[in-house]
Amino acid sequence: DTRAKRGPLLLVGGGADRIVPPSLVRAAYRRYKDARSITELRVFAGRGHTLYTDHGWADVAGAALGFLDRHGLAAVPADSPRAQSS
């Protein structure tokens, strides 16, 4: 059920991906965007399927970390009080 309550979802794709084309990533976004949960889409122009390991990977990582931070899911050091209480 794409409308079920769930955790935040970030869909990421490469604009030049020939394995999972951007049209499929956008179609998945359309299915999930009306859910009762946060759903965001980020397509990186000119990037292929290995956008996480190719040139510009830091941009992709930054987008993912920014998404987590915006939604209160940012990583915390293991020795922080917040991590210890989890």
PDB file of N, CA and C in Angstrom:
ATOM      1  N   ASP A   1       0.844  -1.179   0.000  1.00  0.00           N
ATOM      2  CA  ASP A   1       0.000   0.000   0.000  1.00  0.00           C
ATOM      3  C   ASP A   1       0.889   1.242   0.000  1.00  0.00           C
ATOM      4  N   THR A   2       0.900   1.958  -1.104  1.00  0.00           N
ATOM      5  CA  THR A   2       1.767   3.135  -1.217  1.00  0.00           C
ATOM      6  C   THR A   2       1.291   4.313  -0.382  1.00  0.00           C
ATOM      7  N   ARG A   3       0.083   4.251   0.136  1.00  0.00           N
ATOM      8  CA  ARG A   3      -0.435   5.351   0.962  1.00  0.00           C
ATOM      9  C   ARG A   3      -0.285   5.090   2.457  1.00  0.00           C
ATOM     10  N   ALA A   4       0.247   3.953   2.813  1.00  0.00           N
ATOM     11  CA  ALA A   4       0.401   3.595   4.228  1.00  0.00           C
ATOM     12  C   ALA A   4       1.406   4.514   4.911  1.00  0.00           C
ATOM     13  N   LYS A   5       1.210   4.708   6.203  1.00  0.00           N
ATOM     14  CA  LYS A   5       2.149   5.493   7.006  1.00  0.00           C
ATOM     15  C   LYS A   5       3.485   4.758   7.059  1.00  0.00           C
ATOM     16  N   ARG A   6       4.574   5.493   6.834  1.00  0.00           N
ATOM     17  CA  ARG A   6       5.918   4.919   6.820  1.00  0.00           C
ATOM     18  C   ARG A   6       6.910   6.026   7.129  1.00  0.00           C
ATOM     19  N   GLY A   7       8.160   5.678   7.182  1.00  0.00           N
ATOM     20  CA  GLY A   7       9.207   6.666   7.388  1.00  0.00           C
ATOM     21  C   GLY A   7       9.407   7.516   6.144  1.00  0.00           C
ATOM     22  N   PRO A   8      10.149   8.618   6.269  1.00  0.00           N
ATOM     23  CA  PRO A   8      10.427   9.478   5.120  1.00  0.00           C
ATOM     24  C   PRO A   8      11.124   8.707   3.998  1.00  0.00           C
ATOM     25  N   LEU A   9      10.785   9.052   2.763  1.00  0.00           N
ATOM     26  CA  LEU A   9      11.321   8.362   1.593  1.00  0.00           C
ATOM     27  C   LEU A   9      11.945   9.376   0.648  1.00  0.00           C
ATOM     28  N   LEU A  10      13.214   9.188   0.333  1.00  0.00           N
ATOM     29  CA  LEU A  10      13.908  10.000  -0.664  1.00  0.00           C
ATOM     30  C   LEU A  10      14.197   9.106  -1.861  1.00  0.00           C
ATOM     31  N   LEU A  11      13.614   9.449  -2.995  1.00  0.00           N
ATOM     32  CA  LEU A  11      13.870   8.723  -4.236  1.00  0.00           C
ATOM     33  C   LEU A  11      14.942   9.486  -5.005  1.00  0.00           C
ATOM     34  N   VAL A  12      16.017   8.794  -5.367  1.00  0.00           N
ATOM     35  CA  VAL A  12      17.157   9.417  -6.031  1.00  0.00           C
ATOM     36  C   VAL A  12      17.406   8.712  -7.353  1.00  0.00           C
ATOM     37  N   GLY A  13      17.643   9.499  -8.387  1.00  0.00           N
ATOM     38  CA  GLY A  13      17.936   8.910  -9.683  1.00  0.00           C
ATOM     39  C   GLY A  13      18.939   9.734 -10.459  1.00  0.00           C
ATOM     40  N   GLY A  14      19.497   9.115 -11.468  1.00  0.00           N
ATOM     41  CA  GLY A  14      20.410   9.800 -12.374  1.00  0.00           C
ATOM     42  C   GLY A  14      19.684  10.157 -13.654  1.00  0.00           C
ATOM     43  N   GLY A  15      19.843  11.387 -14.096  1.00  0.00           N
ATOM     44  CA  GLY A  15      19.165  11.849 -15.299  1.00  0.00           C
ATOM     45  C   GLY A  15      19.575  11.105 -16.559  1.00  0.00           C
ATOM     46  N   ALA A  16      20.756  10.482 -16.548  1.00  0.00           N
ATOM     47  CA  ALA A  16      21.242   9.727 -17.702  1.00  0.00           C
ATOM     48  C   ALA A  16      21.305   8.223 -17.417  1.00  0.00           C
ATOM     49  N   ASP A  17      20.583   7.776 -16.406  1.00  0.00           N
ATOM     50  CA  ASP A  17      20.582   6.358 -16.028  1.00  0.00           C
ATOM     51  C   ASP A  17      19.821   5.552 -17.077  1.00  0.00           C
ATOM     52  N   ARG A  18      20.478   4.550 -17.663  1.00  0.00           N
ATOM     53  CA  ARG A  18      19.823   3.697 -18.659  1.00  0.00           C
ATOM     54  C   ARG A  18      19.369   2.373 -18.059  1.00  0.00           C
ATOM     55  N   ILE A  19      19.715   2.121 -16.799  1.00  0.00           N
ATOM     56  CA  ILE A  19      19.284   0.889 -16.129  1.00  0.00           C
ATOM     57  C   ILE A  19      17.953   1.129 -15.419  1.00  0.00           C
ATOM     58  N   VAL A  20      17.899   2.189 -14.627  1.00  0.00           N
ATOM     59  CA  VAL A  20      16.644   2.631 -14.002  1.00  0.00           C
ATOM     60  C   VAL A  20      16.426   4.065 -14.482  1.00  0.00           C
ATOM     61  N   PRO A  21      15.755   4.231 -15.624  1.00  0.00           N
ATOM     62  CA  PRO A  21      15.598   5.555 -16.212  1.00  0.00           C
ATOM     63  C   PRO A  21      14.857   6.521 -15.283  1.00  0.00           C
ATOM     64  N   PRO A  22      15.130   7.820 -15.451  1.00  0.00           N
ATOM     65  CA  PRO A  22      14.463   8.818 -14.622  1.00  0.00           C
ATOM     66  C   PRO A  22      12.935   8.713 -14.684  1.00  0.00           C
ATOM     67  N   SER A  23      12.402   8.266 -15.808  1.00  0.00           N
ATOM     68  CA  SER A  23      10.945   8.130 -15.917  1.00  0.00           C
ATOM     69  C   SER A  23      10.406   7.128 -14.897  1.00  0.00           C
ATOM     70  N   LEU A  24      11.167   6.069 -14.610  1.00  0.00           N
ATOM     71  CA  LEU A  24      10.735   5.089 -13.603  1.00  0.00           C
ATOM     72  C   LEU A  24      10.816   5.667 -12.196  1.00  0.00           C
ATOM     73  N   VAL A  25      11.857   6.436 -11.933  1.00  0.00           N
ATOM     74  CA  VAL A  25      11.999   7.057 -10.615  1.00  0.00           C
ATOM     75  C   VAL A  25      10.862   8.061 -10.400  1.00  0.00           C
ATOM     76  N   ARG A  26      10.548   8.831 -11.440  1.00  0.00           N
ATOM     77  CA  ARG A  26       9.437   9.792 -11.337  1.00  0.00           C
ATOM     78  C   ARG A  26       8.100   9.071 -11.166  1.00  0.00           C
ATOM     79  N   ALA A  27       7.934   7.942 -11.845  1.00  0.00           N
ATOM     80  CA  ALA A  27       6.697   7.160 -11.697  1.00  0.00           C
ATOM     81  C   ALA A  27       6.560   6.651 -10.264  1.00  0.00           C
ATOM     82  N   ALA A  28       7.659   6.192  -9.680  1.00  0.00           N
ATOM     83  CA  ALA A  28       7.618   5.747  -8.278  1.00  0.00           C
ATOM     84  C   ALA A  28       7.262   6.917  -7.372  1.00  0.00           C
ATOM     85  N   TYR A  29       7.830   8.078  -7.651  1.00  0.00           N
ATOM     86  CA  TYR A  29       7.515   9.264  -6.852  1.00  0.00           C
ATOM     87  C   TYR A  29       6.019   9.583  -6.931  1.00  0.00           C
ATOM     88  N   ARG A  30       5.460   9.547  -8.129  1.00  0.00           N
ATOM     89  CA  ARG A  30       4.024   9.833  -8.275  1.00  0.00           C
ATOM     90  C   ARG A  30       3.171   8.860  -7.462  1.00  0.00           C
ATOM     91  N   ARG A  31       3.606   7.614  -7.378  1.00  0.00           N
ATOM     92  CA  ARG A  31       2.844   6.618  -6.603  1.00  0.00           C
ATOM     93  C   ARG A  31       2.904   6.888  -5.108  1.00  0.00           C
ATOM     94  N   TYR A  32       4.042   7.380  -4.617  1.00  0.00           N
ATOM     95  CA  TYR A  32       4.244   7.549  -3.178  1.00  0.00           C
ATOM     96  C   TYR A  32       4.010   8.964  -2.671  1.00  0.00           C
ATOM     97  N   LYS A  33       3.964   9.963  -3.540  1.00  0.00           N
ATOM     98  CA  LYS A  33       3.928  11.351  -3.079  1.00  0.00           C
ATOM     99  C   LYS A  33       2.664  11.716  -2.312  1.00  0.00           C
ATOM    100  N   ASP A  34       1.588  11.021  -2.523  1.00  0.00           N
ATOM    101  CA  ASP A  34       0.341  11.342  -1.822  1.00  0.00           C
ATOM    102  C   ASP A  34       0.171  10.567  -0.524  1.00  0.00           C
ATOM    103  N   ALA A  35       1.190   9.850  -0.137  1.00  0.00           N
ATOM    104  CA  ALA A  35       1.137   9.094   1.119  1.00  0.00           C
ATOM    105  C   ALA A  35       1.057  10.058   2.291  1.00  0.00           C
ATOM    106  N   ARG A  36       0.724   9.528   3.446  1.00  0.00           N
ATOM    107  CA  ARG A  36       0.649  10.346   4.656  1.00  0.00           C
ATOM    108  C   ARG A  36       2.030  10.602   5.230  1.00  0.00           C
ATOM    109  N   SER A  37       3.046  10.237   4.502  1.00  0.00           N
ATOM    110  CA  SER A  37       4.426  10.381   4.958  1.00  0.00           C
ATOM    111  C   SER A  37       5.213  11.244   3.977  1.00  0.00           C
ATOM    112  N   ILE A  38       6.355  11.696   4.406  1.00  0.00           N
ATOM    113  CA  ILE A  38       7.216  12.549   3.595  1.00  0.00           C
ATOM    114  C   ILE A  38       7.803  11.747   2.442  1.00  0.00           C
ATOM    115  N   THR A  39       7.703  12.314   1.243  1.00  0.00           N
ATOM    116  CA  THR A  39       8.295  11.710   0.055  1.00  0.00           C
ATOM    117  C   THR A  39       8.925  12.822  -0.768  1.00  0.00           C
ATOM    118  N   GLU A  40      10.189  12.652  -1.120  1.00  0.00           N
ATOM    119  CA  GLU A  40      10.882  13.635  -1.946  1.00  0.00           C
ATOM    120  C   GLU A  40      11.568  12.929  -3.104  1.00  0.00           C
ATOM    121  N   LEU A  41      11.762  13.682  -4.182  1.00  0.00           N
ATOM    122  CA  LEU A  41      12.411  13.177  -5.388  1.00  0.00           C
ATOM    123  C   LEU A  41      13.605  14.053  -5.713  1.00  0.00           C
ATOM    124  N   ARG A  42      14.701  13.428  -6.070  1.00  0.00           N
ATOM    125  CA  ARG A  42      15.894  14.172  -6.506  1.00  0.00           C
ATOM    126  C   ARG A  42      16.510  13.421  -7.677  1.00  0.00           C
ATOM    127  N   VAL A  43      16.494  14.038  -8.862  1.00  0.00           N
ATOM    128  CA  VAL A  43      17.125  13.463 -10.044  1.00  0.00           C
ATOM    129  C   VAL A  43      18.336  14.333 -10.378  1.00  0.00           C
ATOM    130  N   PHE A  44      19.493  13.711 -10.473  1.00  0.00           N
ATOM    131  CA  PHE A  44      20.737  14.417 -10.753  1.00  0.00           C
ATOM    132  C   PHE A  44      21.002  14.388 -12.256  1.00  0.00           C
ATOM    133  N   ALA A  45      20.893  15.542 -12.891  1.00  0.00           N
ATOM    134  CA  ALA A  45      21.071  15.658 -14.337  1.00  0.00           C
ATOM    135  C   ALA A  45      22.450  15.158 -14.763  1.00  0.00           C
ATOM    136  N   GLY A  46      22.477  14.431 -15.873  1.00  0.00           N
ATOM    137  CA  GLY A  46      23.729  13.972 -16.447  1.00  0.00           C
ATOM    138  C   GLY A  46      24.396  12.814 -15.723  1.00  0.00           C
ATOM    139  N   ARG A  47      23.791  12.328 -14.669  1.00  0.00           N
ATOM    140  CA  ARG A  47      24.392  11.225 -13.902  1.00  0.00           C
ATOM    141  C   ARG A  47      23.791   9.899 -14.342  1.00  0.00           C
ATOM    142  N   GLY A  48      24.613   8.851 -14.252  1.00  0.00           N
ATOM    143  CA  GLY A  48      24.170   7.520 -14.631  1.00  0.00           C
ATOM    144  C   GLY A  48      23.734   6.704 -13.428  1.00  0.00           C
ATOM    145  N   HIS A  49      23.694   5.402 -13.625  1.00  0.00           N
ATOM    146  CA  HIS A  49      23.200   4.485 -12.603  1.00  0.00           C
ATOM    147  C   HIS A  49      24.098   4.422 -11.373  1.00  0.00           C
ATOM    148  N   THR A  50      25.383   4.666 -11.552  1.00  0.00           N
ATOM    149  CA  THR A  50      26.323   4.585 -10.425  1.00  0.00           C
ATOM    150  C   THR A  50      26.599   5.966  -9.833  1.00  0.00           C
ATOM    151  N   LEU A  51      25.583   6.791  -9.757  1.00  0.00           N
ATOM    152  CA  LEU A  51      25.756   8.159  -9.270  1.00  0.00           C
ATOM    153  C   LEU A  51      26.288   8.232  -7.847  1.00  0.00           C
ATOM    154  N   TYR A  52      26.169   7.168  -7.073  1.00  0.00           N
ATOM    155  CA  TYR A  52      26.679   7.167  -5.696  1.00  0.00           C
ATOM    156  C   TYR A  52      28.193   6.971  -5.641  1.00  0.00           C
ATOM    157  N   THR A  53      28.775   6.451  -6.716  1.00  0.00           N
ATOM    158  CA  THR A  53      30.216   6.188  -6.698  1.00  0.00           C
ATOM    159  C   THR A  53      30.977   6.940  -7.785  1.00  0.00           C
ATOM    160  N   ASP A  54      30.294   7.533  -8.740  1.00  0.00           N
ATOM    161  CA  ASP A  54      30.950   8.274  -9.813  1.00  0.00           C
ATOM    162  C   ASP A  54      31.336   9.671  -9.360  1.00  0.00           C
ATOM    163  N   HIS A  55      31.927  10.430 -10.305  1.00  0.00           N
ATOM    164  CA  HIS A  55      32.249  11.826 -10.017  1.00  0.00           C
ATOM    165  C   HIS A  55      30.997  12.525  -9.477  1.00  0.00           C
ATOM    166  N   GLY A  56      31.171  13.425  -8.595  1.00  0.00           N
ATOM    167  CA  GLY A  56      30.043  14.141  -8.026  1.00  0.00           C
ATOM    168  C   GLY A  56      29.284  13.374  -6.959  1.00  0.00           C
ATOM    169  N   TRP A  57      29.839  12.250  -6.506  1.00  0.00           N
ATOM    170  CA  TRP A  57      29.153  11.447  -5.483  1.00  0.00           C
ATOM    171  C   TRP A  57      28.877  12.270  -4.228  1.00  0.00           C
ATOM    172  N   ALA A  58      29.741  13.237  -3.931  1.00  0.00           N
ATOM    173  CA  ALA A  58      29.547  14.040  -2.720  1.00  0.00           C
ATOM    174  C   ALA A  58      28.265  14.866  -2.808  1.00  0.00           C
ATOM    175  N   ASP A  59      27.871  15.270  -4.020  1.00  0.00           N
ATOM    176  CA  ASP A  59      26.602  15.994  -4.188  1.00  0.00           C
ATOM    177  C   ASP A  59      25.422  15.099  -3.824  1.00  0.00           C
ATOM    178  N   VAL A  60      25.503  13.850  -4.235  1.00  0.00           N
ATOM    179  CA  VAL A  60      24.438  12.883  -3.941  1.00  0.00           C
ATOM    180  C   VAL A  60      24.390  12.613  -2.438  1.00  0.00           C
ATOM    181  N   ALA A  61      25.558  12.393  -1.848  1.00  0.00           N
ATOM    182  CA  ALA A  61      25.623  12.159  -0.402  1.00  0.00           C
ATOM    183  C   ALA A  61      25.105  13.377   0.354  1.00  0.00           C
ATOM    184  N   GLY A  62      25.466  14.564  -0.107  1.00  0.00           N
ATOM    185  CA  GLY A  62      24.990  15.788   0.536  1.00  0.00           C
ATOM    186  C   GLY A  62      23.479  15.920   0.472  1.00  0.00           C
ATOM    187  N   ALA A  63      22.896  15.543  -0.657  1.00  0.00           N
ATOM    188  CA  ALA A  63      21.438  15.593  -0.791  1.00  0.00           C
ATOM    189  C   ALA A  63      20.774  14.622   0.178  1.00  0.00           C
ATOM    190  N   ALA A  64      21.340  13.423   0.304  1.00  0.00           N
ATOM    191  CA  ALA A  64      20.779  12.427   1.227  1.00  0.00           C
ATOM    192  C   ALA A  64      20.919  12.883   2.674  1.00  0.00           C
ATOM    193  N   LEU A  65      22.085  13.407   3.025  1.00  0.00           N
ATOM    194  CA  LEU A  65      22.287  13.889   4.395  1.00  0.00           C
ATOM    195  C   LEU A  65      21.393  15.088   4.692  1.00  0.00           C
ATOM    196  N   GLY A  66      21.225  15.970   3.715  1.00  0.00           N
ATOM    197  CA  GLY A  66      20.328  17.111   3.890  1.00  0.00           C
ATOM    198  C   GLY A  66      18.890  16.668   4.110  1.00  0.00           C
ATOM    199  N   PHE A  67      18.457  15.661   3.362  1.00  0.00           N
ATOM    200  CA  PHE A  67      17.113  15.096   3.524  1.00  0.00           C
ATOM    201  C   PHE A  67      16.930  14.579   4.949  1.00  0.00           C
ATOM    202  N   LEU A  68      17.908  13.815   5.418  1.00  0.00           N
ATOM    203  CA  LEU A  68      17.830  13.275   6.781  1.00  0.00           C
ATOM    204  C   LEU A  68      17.797  14.392   7.811  1.00  0.00           C
ATOM    205  N   ASP A  69      18.624  15.391   7.622  1.00  0.00           N
ATOM    206  CA  ASP A  69      18.683  16.510   8.559  1.00  0.00           C
ATOM    207  C   ASP A  69      17.364  17.282   8.582  1.00  0.00           C
ATOM    208  N   ARG A  70      16.798  17.562   7.403  1.00  0.00           N
ATOM    209  CA  ARG A  70      15.529  18.312   7.323  1.00  0.00           C
ATOM    210  C   ARG A  70      14.394  17.599   8.049  1.00  0.00           C
ATOM    211  N   HIS A  71      14.488  16.293   8.138  1.00  0.00           N
ATOM    212  CA  HIS A  71      13.395  15.521   8.726  1.00  0.00           C
ATOM    213  C   HIS A  71      13.749  14.929  10.086  1.00  0.00           C
ATOM    214  N   GLY A  72      14.757  15.532  10.729  1.00  0.00           N
ATOM    215  CA  GLY A  72      15.112  15.144  12.095  1.00  0.00           C
ATOM    216  C   GLY A  72      15.743  13.777  12.216  1.00  0.00           C
ATOM    217  N   LEU A  73      16.394  13.320  11.158  1.00  0.00           N
ATOM    218  CA  LEU A  73      16.982  11.983  11.160  1.00  0.00           C
ATOM    219  C   LEU A  73      18.494  12.012  10.978  1.00  0.00           C
ATOM    220  N   ALA A  74      19.098  13.153  11.247  1.00  0.00           N
ATOM    221  CA  ALA A  74      20.542  13.289  11.050  1.00  0.00           C
ATOM    222  C   ALA A  74      21.300  12.357  11.990  1.00  0.00           C
ATOM    223  N   ALA A  75      22.429  11.895  11.521  1.00  0.00           N
ATOM    224  CA  ALA A  75      23.281  11.021  12.334  1.00  0.00           C
ATOM    225  C   ALA A  75      23.854  11.797  13.512  1.00  0.00           C
ATOM    226  N   VAL A  76      24.068  11.101  14.596  1.00  0.00           N
ATOM    227  CA  VAL A  76      24.698  11.703  15.778  1.00  0.00           C
ATOM    228  C   VAL A  76      25.880  10.828  16.179  1.00  0.00           C
ATOM    229  N   PRO A  77      26.919  11.430  16.749  1.00  0.00           N
ATOM    230  CA  PRO A  77      28.054  10.615  17.201  1.00  0.00           C
ATOM    231  C   PRO A  77      27.606   9.561  18.208  1.00  0.00           C
ATOM    232  N   ALA A  78      28.212   8.395  18.146  1.00  0.00           N
ATOM    233  CA  ALA A  78      27.831   7.279  19.017  1.00  0.00           C
ATOM    234  C   ALA A  78      27.982   7.605  20.492  1.00  0.00           C
ATOM    235  N   ASP A  79      28.894   8.513  20.826  1.00  0.00           N
ATOM    236  CA  ASP A  79      29.115   8.832  22.241  1.00  0.00           C
ATOM    237  C   ASP A  79      28.291  10.026  22.723  1.00  0.00           C
ATOM    238  N   SER A  80      27.376  10.533  21.893  1.00  0.00           N
ATOM    239  CA  SER A  80      26.555  11.668  22.317  1.00  0.00           C
ATOM    240  C   SER A  80      25.417  11.191  23.222  1.00  0.00           C
ATOM    241  N   PRO A  81      24.937  12.057  24.107  1.00  0.00           N
ATOM    242  CA  PRO A  81      23.818  11.678  24.987  1.00  0.00           C
ATOM    243  C   PRO A  81      22.586  11.229  24.199  1.00  0.00           C
ATOM    244  N   ARG A  82      22.343  11.870  23.057  1.00  0.00           N
ATOM    245  CA  ARG A  82      21.178  11.505  22.250  1.00  0.00           C
ATOM    246  C   ARG A  82      21.300  10.070  21.737  1.00  0.00           C
ATOM    247  N   ALA A  83      22.488   9.670  21.317  1.00  0.00           N
ATOM    248  CA  ALA A  83      22.697   8.301  20.831  1.00  0.00           C
ATOM    249  C   ALA A  83      22.608   7.298  21.974  1.00  0.00           C
ATOM    250  N   GLN A  84      23.082   7.674  23.133  1.00  0.00           N
ATOM    251  CA  GLN A  84      23.075   6.775  24.286  1.00  0.00           C
ATOM    252  C   GLN A  84      21.654   6.477  24.759  1.00  0.00           C
ATOM    253  N   SER A  85      20.731   7.416  24.538  1.00  0.00           N
ATOM    254  CA  SER A  85      19.358   7.220  25.014  1.00  0.00           C
ATOM    255  C   SER A  85      18.519   6.394  24.049  1.00  0.00           C
ATOM    256  N   SER A  86      19.050   6.097  22.877  1.00  0.00           N
ATOM    257  CA  SER A  86      18.284   5.331  21.879  1.00  0.00           C
ATOM    258  C   SER A  86      18.285   3.862  22.176  1.00  0.00           C
TER     259      SER A  86
END
